[in-house]
Amino acid sequence: MSNEELFFSTVTVGNKGQIVIPAKLRKHLEITPGEQLIILANPQ
């Protein structure tokens, strides 16, 4: 088993197709504007 951390959160897609990453998660992962992220989705 890997010691990677996994985080799960729900987000809402706005009218322009944008999503908001919860502030607590952004701070914990040190995400800054302009960073690129990989999004994994469950089609269900």
C-alpha atoms as a PDB file:
ATOM      1  CA  MET A   1       0.000   0.000   0.000  1.00  0.00           C
ATOM      2  CA  SER A   2       1.223   3.464  -0.870  1.00  0.00           C
ATOM      3  CA  ASN A   3       1.537   6.188   1.736  1.00  0.00           C
ATOM      4  CA  GLU A   4       0.041   8.764  -0.647  1.00  0.00           C
ATOM      5  CA  GLU A   5      -2.810  10.827   0.755  1.00  0.00           C
ATOM      6  CA  LEU A   6      -6.152  10.791  -1.021  1.00  0.00           C
ATOM      7  CA  PHE A   7      -8.653  13.625  -0.770  1.00  0.00           C
ATOM      8  CA  PHE A   8     -12.250  13.521  -1.884  1.00  0.00           C
ATOM      9  CA  SER A   9     -14.534  16.501  -2.233  1.00  0.00           C
ATOM     10  CA  THR A  10     -17.568  17.467  -4.225  1.00  0.00           C
ATOM     11  CA  VAL A  11     -17.442  20.566  -6.384  1.00  0.00           C
ATOM     12  CA  THR A  12     -20.055  22.427  -8.383  1.00  0.00           C
ATOM     13  CA  VAL A  13     -19.512  23.352 -12.005  1.00  0.00           C
ATOM     14  CA  GLY A  14     -20.577  26.933 -12.702  1.00  0.00           C
ATOM     15  CA  ASN A  15     -22.223  28.346 -15.837  1.00  0.00           C
ATOM     16  CA  LYS A  16     -18.812  29.007 -17.407  1.00  0.00           C
ATOM     17  CA  GLY A  17     -17.594  25.448 -16.729  1.00  0.00           C
ATOM     18  CA  GLN A  18     -15.403  26.523 -13.831  1.00  0.00           C
ATOM     19  CA  ILE A  19     -15.078  24.641 -10.549  1.00  0.00           C
ATOM     20  CA  VAL A  20     -14.095  25.891  -7.112  1.00  0.00           C
ATOM     21  CA  ILE A  21     -11.628  23.854  -5.073  1.00  0.00           C
ATOM     22  CA  PRO A  22     -12.459  24.222  -1.371  1.00  0.00           C
ATOM     23  CA  ALA A  23     -10.119  26.670   0.384  1.00  0.00           C
ATOM     24  CA  LYS A  24      -9.089  24.141   3.041  1.00  0.00           C
ATOM     25  CA  LEU A  25      -7.950  21.713   0.347  1.00  0.00           C
ATOM     26  CA  ARG A  26      -6.149  24.448  -1.656  1.00  0.00           C
ATOM     27  CA  LYS A  27      -4.275  25.508   1.461  1.00  0.00           C
ATOM     28  CA  HIS A  28      -3.390  21.945   2.504  1.00  0.00           C
ATOM     29  CA  LEU A  29      -2.067  21.077  -0.966  1.00  0.00           C
ATOM     30  CA  GLU A  30      -0.514  24.541  -1.462  1.00  0.00           C
ATOM     31  CA  ILE A  31      -2.370  25.029  -4.747  1.00  0.00           C
ATOM     32  CA  THR A  32      -1.730  28.454  -6.254  1.00  0.00           C
ATOM     33  CA  PRO A  33      -3.378  30.268  -9.186  1.00  0.00           C
ATOM     34  CA  GLY A  34      -2.152  29.046 -12.565  1.00  0.00           C
ATOM     35  CA  GLU A  35      -1.265  25.525 -11.425  1.00  0.00           C
ATOM     36  CA  GLN A  36      -2.433  22.618 -13.544  1.00  0.00           C
ATOM     37  CA  LEU A  37      -4.277  19.754 -11.875  1.00  0.00           C
ATOM     38  CA  ILE A  38      -5.458  16.331 -12.972  1.00  0.00           C
ATOM     39  CA  ILE A  39      -9.149  15.676 -12.402  1.00  0.00           C
ATOM     40  CA  LEU A  40     -10.386  12.103 -12.017  1.00  0.00           C
ATOM     41  CA  ALA A  41     -14.111  11.668 -12.530  1.00  0.00           C
ATOM     42  CA  ASN A  42     -16.617   8.925 -11.903  1.00  0.00           C
ATOM     43  CA  PRO A  43     -19.177   8.947 -14.737  1.00  0.00           C
ATOM     44  CA  GLN A  44     -21.930   7.747 -12.403  1.00  0.00           C
END
